[in-house]
N, C-alpha and C. Protein backbone atom coordinates (compact mmCIF):
# COMPACT_ATOMS: atom_id res chain seq x y z
N MET A 1 30.93 0.10 -13.12
CA MET A 1 29.33 -0.14 -14.23
C MET A 1 29.21 -0.35 -12.38
N ALA A 2 27.41 0.53 -12.22
CA ALA A 2 27.20 -0.23 -10.99
C ALA A 2 25.46 -0.43 -11.14
N PHE A 3 24.85 -0.11 -12.79
CA PHE A 3 23.83 -1.37 -12.59
C PHE A 3 23.20 -1.02 -13.82
N CYS A 4 22.53 -1.47 -14.16
CA CYS A 4 22.28 -1.71 -16.00
C CYS A 4 20.63 -1.66 -15.13
N VAL A 5 20.16 -1.68 -16.58
CA VAL A 5 18.53 -2.31 -16.75
C VAL A 5 19.02 -3.20 -18.44
N PHE A 6 17.43 -4.30 -17.41
CA PHE A 6 17.38 -5.40 -18.10
C PHE A 6 16.86 -6.21 -18.06
N GLY A 7 16.38 -5.55 -19.53
CA GLY A 7 14.45 -5.97 -19.49
C GLY A 7 13.77 -5.09 -18.81
N SER A 8 13.10 -5.82 -17.56
CA SER A 8 12.06 -5.16 -17.03
C SER A 8 12.92 -4.77 -15.52
N ALA A 9 14.24 -5.59 -15.04
CA ALA A 9 14.88 -5.20 -14.31
C ALA A 9 16.34 -4.89 -14.36
N VAL A 10 16.34 -4.09 -12.73
CA VAL A 10 17.28 -4.03 -13.03
C VAL A 10 18.68 -4.60 -12.58
N GLY A 11 19.81 -4.52 -12.98
CA GLY A 11 20.65 -5.41 -12.25
C GLY A 11 21.62 -4.09 -12.07
N ALA A 12 21.87 -4.89 -10.59
CA ALA A 12 22.83 -3.31 -9.73
C ALA A 12 24.54 -4.70 -8.47
N LYS A 13 25.00 -3.45 -9.16
CA LYS A 13 26.22 -4.27 -8.68
C LYS A 13 27.41 -3.64 -7.04
N VAL A 14 27.21 -5.13 -5.66
CA VAL A 14 26.13 -4.57 -5.26
C VAL A 14 27.55 -5.92 -4.43
N PRO A 15 28.71 -4.95 -3.29
CA PRO A 15 30.13 -6.20 -2.88
C PRO A 15 29.26 -7.10 -2.57
N GLN A 16 29.54 -8.05 -2.57
CA GLN A 16 29.70 -9.77 -2.53
C GLN A 16 28.73 -9.97 -0.42
N ALA A 17 28.81 -10.11 0.40
CA ALA A 17 28.37 -9.64 0.69
C ALA A 17 27.24 -10.05 1.40
N ASP A 18 26.93 -8.33 1.20
CA ASP A 18 25.61 -7.20 0.67
C ASP A 18 24.87 -8.86 0.13
N ALA A 19 25.74 -8.84 -1.23
CA ALA A 19 24.33 -10.01 -2.11
C ALA A 19 24.60 -10.89 -2.05
N GLU A 20 24.82 -11.78 -1.29
CA GLU A 20 23.82 -12.85 -0.39
C GLU A 20 23.46 -12.27 0.84
N ARG A 21 24.10 -11.81 1.20
CA ARG A 21 22.35 -11.16 2.42
C ARG A 21 21.23 -10.63 1.73
N LEU A 22 20.95 -9.51 0.31
CA LEU A 22 19.64 -8.69 0.17
C LEU A 22 19.36 -10.28 -0.82
N ILE A 23 19.79 -11.01 -1.49
CA ILE A 23 19.11 -12.22 -2.17
C ILE A 23 18.59 -13.51 -0.73
N ALA A 24 19.52 -13.71 0.67
CA ALA A 24 18.74 -14.37 1.42
C ALA A 24 17.30 -13.97 2.23
N SER A 25 17.73 -12.69 2.01
CA SER A 25 16.16 -11.92 2.93
C SER A 25 15.22 -12.02 1.79
N GLY A 26 15.71 -12.21 0.75
CA GLY A 26 14.87 -12.26 -0.53
C GLY A 26 14.28 -10.17 -0.58
N THR A 27 14.97 -9.87 -0.80
CA THR A 27 14.80 -8.65 -0.48
C THR A 27 15.51 -8.44 -2.50
N ALA A 28 16.15 -8.74 -3.24
CA ALA A 28 16.74 -9.69 -4.52
C ALA A 28 17.05 -10.25 -5.03
N THR A 29 17.04 -10.74 -6.45
CA THR A 29 16.91 -11.78 -6.76
C THR A 29 18.31 -11.76 -6.30
N ALA A 30 19.39 -13.41 -7.33
CA ALA A 30 20.62 -13.29 -7.89
C ALA A 30 20.29 -12.48 -9.91
N PHE A 31 20.86 -12.24 -10.08
CA PHE A 31 21.00 -11.45 -11.58
C PHE A 31 21.32 -12.54 -11.63
N ARG A 32 21.02 -12.83 -13.40
CA ARG A 32 21.31 -13.52 -14.34
C ARG A 32 20.62 -13.34 -15.73
N PRO A 33 21.56 -12.97 -16.30
CA PRO A 33 21.09 -12.22 -17.20
C PRO A 33 21.53 -13.38 -18.54
N PHE A 34 20.33 -13.83 -19.56
CA PHE A 34 20.33 -14.42 -21.03
C PHE A 34 20.84 -16.33 -20.43
N GLY A 35 20.52 -16.42 -18.26
CA GLY A 35 19.69 -17.66 -17.87
C GLY A 35 21.28 -18.20 -17.59
N ARG A 36 22.25 -17.46 -17.62
CA ARG A 36 23.25 -16.98 -16.95
C ARG A 36 23.68 -17.25 -16.10
N PRO A 37 24.40 -18.74 -15.05
CA PRO A 37 24.42 -18.26 -13.67
C PRO A 37 25.08 -17.28 -12.93
N PRO A 38 24.33 -17.15 -11.39
CA PRO A 38 24.45 -16.20 -10.69
C PRO A 38 26.10 -15.60 -10.69
N MET A 39 25.95 -13.56 -11.16
CA MET A 39 26.65 -13.36 -11.20
C MET A 39 26.91 -13.12 -9.53
N ARG A 40 28.10 -12.97 -9.30
CA ARG A 40 28.68 -12.97 -7.65
C ARG A 40 27.83 -11.68 -6.60
N GLU A 41 28.35 -10.95 -7.10
CA GLU A 41 28.27 -9.16 -7.30
C GLU A 41 26.46 -8.05 -7.29
N TRP A 42 26.54 -9.23 -7.85
CA TRP A 42 25.28 -8.73 -8.34
C TRP A 42 23.68 -8.96 -8.30
N ILE A 43 23.73 -8.49 -8.04
CA ILE A 43 21.54 -8.19 -8.35
C ILE A 43 19.75 -7.59 -8.45
N GLU A 44 19.78 -8.98 -8.65
CA GLU A 44 17.50 -7.85 -9.88
C GLU A 44 17.02 -7.76 -8.70
N LEU A 45 16.30 -6.21 -8.83
CA LEU A 45 15.58 -5.62 -8.13
C LEU A 45 14.69 -5.39 -9.02
N ARG A 46 13.60 -5.69 -9.46
CA ARG A 46 12.34 -4.97 -9.84
C ARG A 46 11.29 -4.28 -8.38
N ALA A 47 10.54 -2.96 -9.63
CA ALA A 47 9.66 -2.97 -9.32
C ALA A 47 9.21 -2.09 -9.46
N LYS A 48 7.81 -1.57 -9.12
CA LYS A 48 7.16 -0.96 -10.37
C LYS A 48 6.96 0.80 -10.92
N SER A 49 6.57 1.05 -11.91
CA SER A 49 7.14 2.81 -11.76
C SER A 49 6.22 3.34 -10.24
N GLU A 50 5.31 2.90 -9.79
CA GLU A 50 5.27 3.14 -8.73
C GLU A 50 6.45 3.56 -6.92
N GLU A 51 6.48 2.21 -7.19
CA GLU A 51 7.85 1.81 -7.01
C GLU A 51 8.39 1.63 -6.26
N LEU A 52 9.07 2.76 -7.62
CA LEU A 52 10.97 3.11 -7.89
C LEU A 52 11.41 4.20 -7.28
N ASP A 53 10.91 4.40 -5.99
CA ASP A 53 11.30 5.33 -4.94
C ASP A 53 12.08 4.25 -3.71
N ARG A 54 11.32 3.03 -3.84
CA ARG A 54 12.70 1.84 -3.21
C ARG A 54 13.47 1.07 -3.36
N LEU A 55 14.17 1.28 -4.29
CA LEU A 55 15.77 0.49 -5.23
C LEU A 55 16.05 1.69 -4.96
N GLN A 56 16.12 3.83 -4.70
CA GLN A 56 17.25 4.60 -4.87
C GLN A 56 18.32 3.93 -3.09
N PRO A 57 17.86 2.71 -2.31
CA PRO A 57 19.31 2.46 -0.97
C PRO A 57 20.14 1.57 -1.78
N PHE A 58 19.78 0.63 -2.92
CA PHE A 58 20.37 -0.18 -3.54
C PHE A 58 21.04 -0.26 -4.94
N LEU A 59 20.68 1.44 -5.16
CA LEU A 59 20.94 1.96 -6.31
C LEU A 59 22.22 2.73 -4.96
N SER A 60 22.37 3.34 -5.23
CA SER A 60 23.39 3.65 -3.65
C SER A 60 23.54 3.57 -3.13
N LEU A 61 24.49 2.31 -2.52
CA LEU A 61 24.48 0.97 -2.40
C LEU A 61 25.37 0.56 -3.89
N ALA A 62 25.12 0.75 -5.51
CA ALA A 62 25.90 -0.03 -5.75
C ALA A 62 26.63 1.26 -6.78
N ILE A 63 26.76 2.73 -7.04
CA ILE A 63 27.15 2.98 -6.32
C ILE A 63 28.23 3.16 -5.46
N ASP A 64 28.19 2.84 -4.75
CA ASP A 64 29.09 3.53 -3.87
C ASP A 64 30.34 2.26 -3.46
N HIS A 65 29.58 1.01 -3.69
CA HIS A 65 30.59 0.40 -4.46
C HIS A 65 31.42 0.10 -5.73
N ALA A 66 30.58 0.90 -6.05
CA ALA A 66 32.01 1.72 -7.57
C ALA A 66 33.14 2.42 -7.83
N ARG A 67 32.60 2.70 -6.27
CA ARG A 67 33.86 3.53 -6.40
C ARG A 67 34.73 3.61 -5.77
């Protein structure tokens, strides 16, 4: 699995080092479905419908990681 939709967010599974970097930079937040502890290789992304293009690099990273 590379990514999923959870409510109004997209969860993306990326390499752990990338997840840590993106969370630390504020680009993404930790993915915590149902209030569970953060998942170490997962990030949560949010965007308005007119901003969806900006998610493309993160979704591509998740697809590459899944391969």
